[in-house]
Amino acid sequence: MLVHTFESPNFLPSPQNRQVHLLKSITYNLLRFHKYLHSVFYINRMIRETEAEVVVNFYELLSGVTYLCCRPQAKMICIAHQYLFLHPDFKFPDIHPLSVASLKFFTRLTALGAAKKLTLSFRKMREHPKQTLIAVPPLLRKEVLECESADNGYLHGYILNSGYFQEIYDWHKDNPAVKLHFFWDKKEAEPVTEITPNLHFHQLDDISFIQYMAGASAYATTAGFESVCEAMYLNKPVLMVPVHIEQACNAFDACRIGAGIIGSRFELNKLRELAEKKINHQDFRHWVKQADWLIAREFREDLVFEENPQPFLRRVFTNWVYKMGRSLPV
C-alpha cells in the first residue's frame, strides 16, 4: 500500500509529559493553519487524481473539512471508536457538559459529509439511522487472536507519556519483588531499559507488546481503546489512568462491562488485587470474532473488491491502528 502523508492538527503534551497542554496545542495549531489549508487541497486533489470511489476516514479532522469545503464526489465512510460519543445510548462519565459538547462537536467535524459512521464498540449496540451510525466490533490483529494467554506473574503496562515513569518507579521501590514490564514513548531510550532486575521499560514494538500482554497477570494503561480491547480479549484485568477526556470516556465505558478499574494514578497495589480475581470476557471475545464479516458487510455495498474483503479490511485497519495511518482513498 502506498502511503502519502500530510500536515494535520495535533495535541502537545504538558512540560511534565503527562497530559495534553490545551493552550499550547491551540496556539501551535493556529500558527500552522496555512499548512492545514494546504493539506485540505492536497486531500481533495488526491481523491480526484486516484479516482477513488470511497474514502475511508479514521477520525481525521481535515478529511471532514475537505468534504465541507471541496465536496469530493467519492463517498466517505468514517470508522473510529470515538463515533460512539454520538450514540444516544452511550453513557458519559461525570464530566463538565461543556467538555462533552466540545468532544461531540469535534467528532462531528471529522465526519462532515460522511455517508456512514462505523463506531468500534466494546459491545453490540443498536443502529442509529438518524446519525448514519453503526456499532461494529474492534478489529484486533491476528497476532492477538492467535495468542495463548498465560499468567507468568508480572504486571504489564503502557504509559502514553513518559512523565509517568516516576510514579511507576516510586511504586517499584516499595515493591521491589514484583516484576514489571512497561512500554513507553521515550524516543531516545534503548529498546529495553533495565532500571532494576525486576523493572524494565520497553520501546514500543507491536509483537513484543502483545507477547508481554499475553503472559501478564494484569495490565495498566492510560486507557487507549485498542490496548484495553486487547487486554480484555486475553482476559487481563485493566487499571486505566485517563489523561484526557476521550480516555476518561473509554475508561468509564470499559468499566461498565467489567474490564477493570479507573485510577487517578498508577496505583499498582489495586491492580495486583484485581489480578487475583479470575475473569473471562467470553461475550466480548465472541463479539470481536464477528468483526471481519460485520465490517465487511458495511463496506460491501460501497466497494468493489478484487479480493476477499475480510483480509483487505484487516490489513487496512491494522495499518491505521499501529502505524498511525491517515485518511486514505481506497
Protein backbone atom coordinates (compact mmCIF):
# COMPACT_ATOMS: atom_id res chain seq x y z
CA MET A 1 0.00 0.00 0.00
CA LEU A 2 1.39 3.40 -0.99
CA VAL A 3 1.05 5.94 1.83
CA HIS A 4 1.04 9.71 1.30
CA THR A 5 1.39 11.97 4.34
CA PHE A 6 0.17 15.48 5.08
CA GLU A 7 0.20 18.04 7.89
CA SER A 8 -2.66 17.67 10.36
CA PRO A 9 -3.60 19.27 13.73
CA ASN A 10 -2.18 17.60 16.80
CA PHE A 11 -2.12 17.93 20.59
CA LEU A 12 1.04 18.82 22.50
CA PRO A 13 1.98 17.39 25.93
CA SER A 14 2.49 19.35 29.12
CA PRO A 15 6.08 20.10 30.29
CA GLN A 16 5.91 17.03 32.55
CA ASN A 17 4.81 14.95 29.54
CA ARG A 18 1.80 13.61 31.44
CA GLN A 19 -1.26 15.36 29.96
CA VAL A 20 -2.34 17.42 26.97
CA HIS A 21 -1.42 21.11 27.19
CA LEU A 22 -4.57 22.69 25.75
CA LEU A 23 -3.43 26.33 25.35
CA LYS A 24 -0.09 25.28 23.89
CA SER A 25 -1.87 22.94 21.44
CA ILE A 26 -4.31 25.63 20.28
CA THR A 27 -1.52 28.17 19.72
CA TYR A 28 0.62 25.64 17.88
CA ASN A 29 -2.20 24.64 15.54
CA LEU A 30 -3.29 28.22 14.83
CA LEU A 31 0.26 29.08 13.77
CA ARG A 32 0.19 26.14 11.36
CA PHE A 33 -3.23 26.92 9.92
CA HIS A 34 -1.80 27.71 6.47
CA LYS A 35 -0.22 24.26 6.33
CA TYR A 36 -3.51 22.60 7.23
CA LEU A 37 -5.28 24.55 4.50
CA HIS A 38 -2.72 23.23 2.04
CA SER A 39 -3.45 19.70 3.35
CA VAL A 40 -7.18 20.13 2.66
CA PHE A 41 -6.49 20.93 -1.00
CA TYR A 42 -3.98 18.09 -1.15
CA ILE A 43 -6.53 15.54 0.14
CA ASN A 44 -9.09 16.75 -2.38
CA ARG A 45 -6.57 16.53 -5.20
CA MET A 46 -5.51 13.00 -4.22
CA ILE A 47 -9.12 11.82 -4.15
CA ARG A 48 -9.67 13.29 -7.61
CA GLU A 49 -6.41 12.01 -9.14
CA THR A 50 -6.84 8.47 -7.82
CA GLU A 51 -10.47 8.41 -8.96
CA ALA A 52 -11.38 6.92 -5.57
CA GLU A 53 -14.95 5.71 -5.22
CA VAL A 54 -14.78 5.55 -1.42
CA VAL A 55 -12.60 7.34 1.13
CA VAL A 56 -12.04 5.67 4.50
CA ASN A 57 -11.55 8.26 7.22
CA PHE A 58 -10.06 7.23 10.56
CA TYR A 59 -11.17 10.20 12.71
CA GLU A 60 -9.12 12.70 10.71
CA LEU A 61 -10.33 16.27 11.16
CA LEU A 62 -9.06 17.55 7.81
CA SER A 63 -10.99 14.92 5.89
CA GLY A 64 -14.22 16.31 7.29
CA VAL A 65 -13.07 19.83 6.44
CA THR A 66 -12.23 18.68 2.91
CA TYR A 67 -15.77 17.35 2.42
CA LEU A 68 -17.20 20.57 3.82
CA CYS A 69 -15.15 22.89 1.62
CA CYS A 70 -14.42 20.92 -1.55
CA ARG A 71 -17.33 18.45 -1.79
CA PRO A 72 -15.48 15.49 -3.40
CA GLN A 73 -17.65 13.07 -5.36
CA ALA A 74 -16.24 9.99 -3.63
CA LYS A 75 -18.33 8.56 -0.81
CA MET A 76 -16.68 8.83 2.63
CA ILE A 77 -17.02 6.18 5.33
CA CYS A 78 -15.72 7.10 8.79
CA ILE A 79 -14.53 4.49 11.25
CA ALA A 80 -13.26 5.02 14.80
CA HIS A 81 -14.33 4.20 18.33
CA GLN A 82 -14.82 7.94 19.01
CA TYR A 83 -18.06 7.99 16.99
CA LEU A 84 -19.60 6.15 19.92
CA PHE A 85 -19.73 9.58 21.62
CA LEU A 86 -22.53 10.45 19.18
CA HIS A 87 -24.63 7.39 20.01
CA PRO A 88 -27.72 8.19 22.10
CA ASP A 89 -27.17 5.10 24.26
CA PHE A 90 -23.59 5.99 25.20
CA LYS A 91 -23.14 6.97 28.86
CA PHE A 92 -20.60 9.67 29.68
CA PRO A 93 -18.69 9.87 32.96
CA ASP A 94 -19.30 12.74 35.35
CA ILE A 95 -17.54 15.49 33.39
CA HIS A 96 -18.43 19.09 32.60
CA PRO A 97 -21.23 19.41 30.00
CA LEU A 98 -19.11 21.88 28.02
CA SER A 99 -16.36 19.27 27.70
CA VAL A 100 -18.89 16.72 26.43
CA ALA A 101 -20.31 19.23 23.94
CA SER A 102 -16.80 20.09 22.70
CA LEU A 103 -15.93 16.41 22.24
CA LYS A 104 -19.12 15.76 20.28
CA PHE A 105 -18.55 18.89 18.15
CA PHE A 106 -15.01 17.83 17.23
CA THR A 107 -16.23 14.31 16.44
CA ARG A 108 -18.94 15.65 14.13
CA LEU A 109 -16.37 17.83 12.34
CA THR A 110 -14.31 14.76 11.41
CA ALA A 111 -17.38 13.17 9.80
CA LEU A 112 -18.78 16.10 7.81
CA GLY A 113 -20.16 14.71 4.56
CA ALA A 114 -19.81 11.07 5.64
CA ALA A 115 -22.17 8.51 4.12
CA LYS A 116 -21.94 6.40 7.26
CA LYS A 117 -20.02 6.25 10.53
CA LEU A 118 -18.81 2.93 11.91
CA THR A 119 -18.06 3.11 15.61
CA LEU A 120 -15.80 0.49 17.14
CA SER A 121 -17.51 -0.57 20.34
CA PHE A 122 -16.88 -2.80 23.35
CA ARG A 123 -20.37 -4.25 22.88
CA LYS A 124 -23.21 -4.65 20.40
CA MET A 125 -25.43 -1.56 20.23
CA ARG A 126 -28.49 -0.65 18.23
CA GLU A 127 -28.08 1.05 14.85
CA HIS A 128 -28.81 4.77 14.84
CA PRO A 129 -30.16 5.63 11.34
CA LYS A 130 -30.53 9.37 12.00
CA GLN A 131 -26.79 9.68 12.63
CA THR A 132 -25.97 7.00 9.99
CA LEU A 133 -24.14 5.41 12.92
CA ILE A 134 -23.45 1.67 13.18
CA ALA A 135 -21.62 -0.07 16.05
CA VAL A 136 -19.11 -2.72 14.95
CA PRO A 137 -16.59 -4.82 16.92
CA PRO A 138 -12.97 -3.72 17.39
CA LEU A 139 -10.75 -5.21 14.71
CA LEU A 140 -7.83 -6.79 16.55
CA ARG A 141 -4.69 -8.08 14.88
CA LYS A 142 -4.44 -11.79 14.16
CA GLU A 143 -1.42 -11.94 16.50
CA VAL A 144 -3.78 -11.09 19.35
CA LEU A 145 -6.49 -13.51 18.19
CA GLU A 146 -3.95 -16.33 17.97
CA CYS A 147 -2.27 -15.65 21.34
CA GLU A 148 -2.28 -18.20 24.13
CA SER A 149 -2.95 -16.30 27.34
CA ALA A 150 -0.96 -17.25 30.47
CA ASP A 151 -0.10 -15.80 33.86
CA ASN A 152 3.66 -15.53 34.28
CA GLY A 153 3.48 -13.41 37.42
CA TYR A 154 4.42 -9.93 36.18
CA LEU A 155 2.48 -6.72 35.61
CA HIS A 156 2.36 -5.28 32.13
CA GLY A 157 1.71 -1.66 31.21
CA TYR A 158 1.78 1.13 28.67
CA ILE A 159 2.37 4.76 29.59
CA LEU A 160 1.48 7.06 26.72
CA ASN A 161 3.60 9.84 28.23
CA SER A 162 7.00 9.11 29.75
CA GLY A 163 6.23 11.61 32.53
CA TYR A 164 4.51 8.74 34.35
CA PHE A 165 7.85 6.97 34.78
CA GLN A 166 8.35 8.43 38.27
CA GLU A 167 5.04 7.02 39.54
CA ILE A 168 5.98 3.54 38.37
CA TYR A 169 9.48 3.81 39.78
CA ASP A 170 8.31 5.08 43.18
CA TRP A 171 5.87 2.16 43.49
CA HIS A 172 8.57 -0.29 42.46
CA LYS A 173 10.93 0.97 45.18
CA ASP A 174 8.32 -0.05 47.76
CA ASN A 175 7.59 -3.35 45.97
CA PRO A 176 10.95 -4.46 44.52
CA ALA A 177 10.00 -8.14 44.28
CA VAL A 178 7.15 -7.52 41.81
CA LYS A 179 8.21 -7.89 38.17
CA LEU A 180 7.13 -5.01 35.92
CA HIS A 181 7.35 -4.75 32.14
CA PHE A 182 6.16 -1.35 30.90
CA PHE A 183 6.19 0.14 27.41
CA TRP A 184 6.72 3.88 26.91
CA ASP A 185 7.19 6.56 24.25
CA LYS A 186 10.67 7.79 25.24
CA LYS A 187 12.24 8.00 21.80
CA GLU A 188 15.86 8.43 22.90
CA ALA A 189 15.75 5.33 25.15
CA GLU A 190 17.24 1.93 24.36
CA PRO A 191 14.93 -0.80 23.03
CA VAL A 192 14.87 -2.20 26.58
CA THR A 193 15.88 -0.11 29.58
CA GLU A 194 16.60 -2.18 32.69
CA ILE A 195 16.07 0.03 35.74
CA THR A 196 16.42 -2.92 38.13
CA PRO A 197 16.30 -6.68 37.51
CA ASN A 198 12.52 -6.55 38.10
CA LEU A 199 11.70 -3.26 36.35
CA HIS A 200 12.06 -2.95 32.58
CA PHE A 201 10.87 -0.22 30.21
CA HIS A 202 10.48 -1.18 26.56
CA GLN A 203 10.28 0.90 23.43
CA LEU A 204 7.03 0.38 21.54
CA ASP A 205 7.11 -2.74 19.40
CA ASP A 206 3.90 -4.40 18.16
CA ILE A 207 4.91 -8.04 18.52
CA SER A 208 6.81 -7.66 21.78
CA PHE A 209 3.94 -5.69 23.30
CA ILE A 210 1.42 -8.45 22.57
CA GLN A 211 3.77 -11.16 23.83
CA TYR A 212 4.16 -9.40 27.17
CA MET A 213 0.42 -8.75 27.30
CA ALA A 214 -0.32 -12.46 26.79
CA GLY A 215 1.92 -13.51 29.68
CA ALA A 216 0.96 -10.82 32.19
CA SER A 217 -1.13 -11.11 35.34
CA ALA A 218 -2.76 -7.73 34.66
CA TYR A 219 -2.37 -4.60 32.55
CA ALA A 220 -2.06 -0.88 33.37
CA THR A 221 -2.68 1.81 30.77
CA THR A 222 -3.73 5.39 30.10
CA ALA A 223 -6.98 3.97 28.69
CA GLY A 224 -6.38 3.88 24.95
CA PHE A 225 -9.20 1.96 23.28
CA GLU A 226 -7.18 -0.60 21.30
CA SER A 227 -4.95 -1.87 24.10
CA VAL A 228 -7.89 -2.14 26.52
CA CYS A 229 -9.63 -4.31 23.89
CA GLU A 230 -6.52 -6.48 23.56
CA ALA A 231 -6.30 -6.93 27.33
CA MET A 232 -9.98 -7.87 27.55
CA TYR A 233 -9.65 -10.38 24.71
CA LEU A 234 -6.75 -12.02 26.57
CA ASN A 235 -8.70 -11.91 29.87
CA LYS A 236 -6.35 -9.49 31.59
CA PRO A 237 -7.81 -7.13 34.22
CA VAL A 238 -7.02 -3.50 33.47
CA LEU A 239 -6.10 -0.43 35.54
CA MET A 240 -6.99 2.66 33.48
CA VAL A 241 -5.46 6.08 34.24
CA PRO A 242 -7.01 8.54 31.75
CA VAL A 243 -5.02 11.63 30.81
CA HIS A 244 -7.69 13.43 28.75
CA ILE A 245 -11.45 13.45 28.23
CA GLU A 246 -11.52 10.89 25.43
CA GLN A 247 -9.62 8.37 27.54
CA ALA A 248 -11.88 9.15 30.51
CA CYS A 249 -14.85 8.16 28.34
CA ASN A 250 -13.08 4.97 27.20
CA ALA A 251 -12.27 4.00 30.78
CA PHE A 252 -15.80 4.66 32.02
CA ASP A 253 -17.32 2.61 29.20
CA ALA A 254 -14.83 -0.25 29.71
CA CYS A 255 -15.54 -0.37 33.43
CA ARG A 256 -19.26 -0.75 32.73
CA ILE A 257 -18.59 -4.10 31.08
CA GLY A 258 -16.13 -5.30 33.72
CA ALA A 259 -12.76 -4.55 32.08
CA GLY A 260 -11.20 -3.32 35.30
CA ILE A 261 -10.87 -0.18 37.42
CA ILE A 262 -10.16 3.52 36.94
CA GLY A 263 -7.45 5.33 38.90
CA SER A 264 -6.05 8.84 39.10
CA ARG A 265 -2.56 7.37 39.46
CA PHE A 266 -0.81 4.14 38.60
CA GLU A 267 -1.90 2.50 41.84
CA LEU A 268 -0.45 -0.92 41.12
CA ASN A 269 -1.48 -2.29 44.53
CA LYS A 270 -5.08 -2.14 43.34
CA LEU A 271 -4.11 -3.80 40.07
CA ARG A 272 -2.45 -6.67 41.94
CA GLU A 273 -5.60 -7.18 43.96
CA LEU A 274 -7.65 -7.16 40.77
CA ALA A 275 -5.33 -9.72 39.19
CA GLU A 276 -6.21 -12.26 41.87
CA LYS A 277 -9.77 -12.38 40.55
CA LYS A 278 -10.13 -14.65 37.55
CA ILE A 279 -12.09 -13.07 34.70
CA ASN A 280 -13.48 -14.44 31.46
CA HIS A 281 -14.70 -11.98 28.83
CA GLN A 282 -16.46 -14.66 26.80
CA ASP A 283 -19.15 -12.31 25.44
CA PHE A 284 -16.53 -9.76 24.38
CA ARG A 285 -14.42 -12.41 22.66
CA HIS A 286 -17.48 -13.61 20.74
CA TRP A 287 -18.24 -10.00 19.70
CA VAL A 288 -14.65 -9.47 18.48
CA LYS A 289 -14.73 -12.64 16.39
CA GLN A 290 -17.62 -11.19 14.37
CA ALA A 291 -15.57 -8.12 13.34
CA ASP A 292 -14.49 -9.28 9.89
CA TRP A 293 -17.89 -10.04 8.44
CA LEU A 294 -19.78 -7.24 10.21
CA ILE A 295 -17.38 -4.56 8.97
CA ALA A 296 -17.13 -6.14 5.53
CA ARG A 297 -20.92 -6.10 5.32
CA GLU A 298 -20.96 -2.31 5.74
CA PHE A 299 -18.35 -1.83 3.04
CA ARG A 300 -19.68 -4.39 0.58
CA GLU A 301 -22.30 -2.08 -0.93
CA ASP A 302 -19.76 0.72 -1.40
CA LEU A 303 -16.64 -1.08 -2.62
CA VAL A 304 -16.00 -3.48 -5.48
CA PHE A 305 -13.42 -5.92 -4.09
CA GLU A 306 -10.86 -7.61 -6.27
CA GLU A 307 -10.11 -9.93 -3.37
CA ASN A 308 -11.84 -11.35 -0.32
CA PRO A 309 -12.93 -8.27 1.68
CA GLN A 310 -12.02 -9.62 5.14
CA PRO A 311 -8.20 -9.77 4.77
CA PHE A 312 -8.28 -6.50 2.80
CA LEU A 313 -10.10 -4.67 5.60
CA ARG A 314 -7.97 -6.24 8.31
CA ARG A 315 -4.82 -5.05 6.53
CA VAL A 316 -6.17 -1.52 6.15
CA PHE A 317 -7.37 -1.16 9.74
CA THR A 318 -4.30 -2.79 11.27
CA ASN A 319 -2.11 -0.28 9.42
CA TRP A 320 -4.25 2.50 10.87
CA VAL A 321 -4.15 1.31 14.48
CA TYR A 322 -0.45 0.51 14.69
CA LYS A 323 1.15 2.76 12.10
CA MET A 324 -1.00 5.87 12.56
CA GLY A 325 -2.46 5.86 9.06
CA ARG A 326 -4.45 8.87 7.87
CA SER A 327 -7.47 9.11 5.57
CA LEU A 328 -6.59 7.05 2.51
CA PRO A 329 -8.60 6.76 -0.71
CA VAL A 330 -9.34 3.10 -1.40
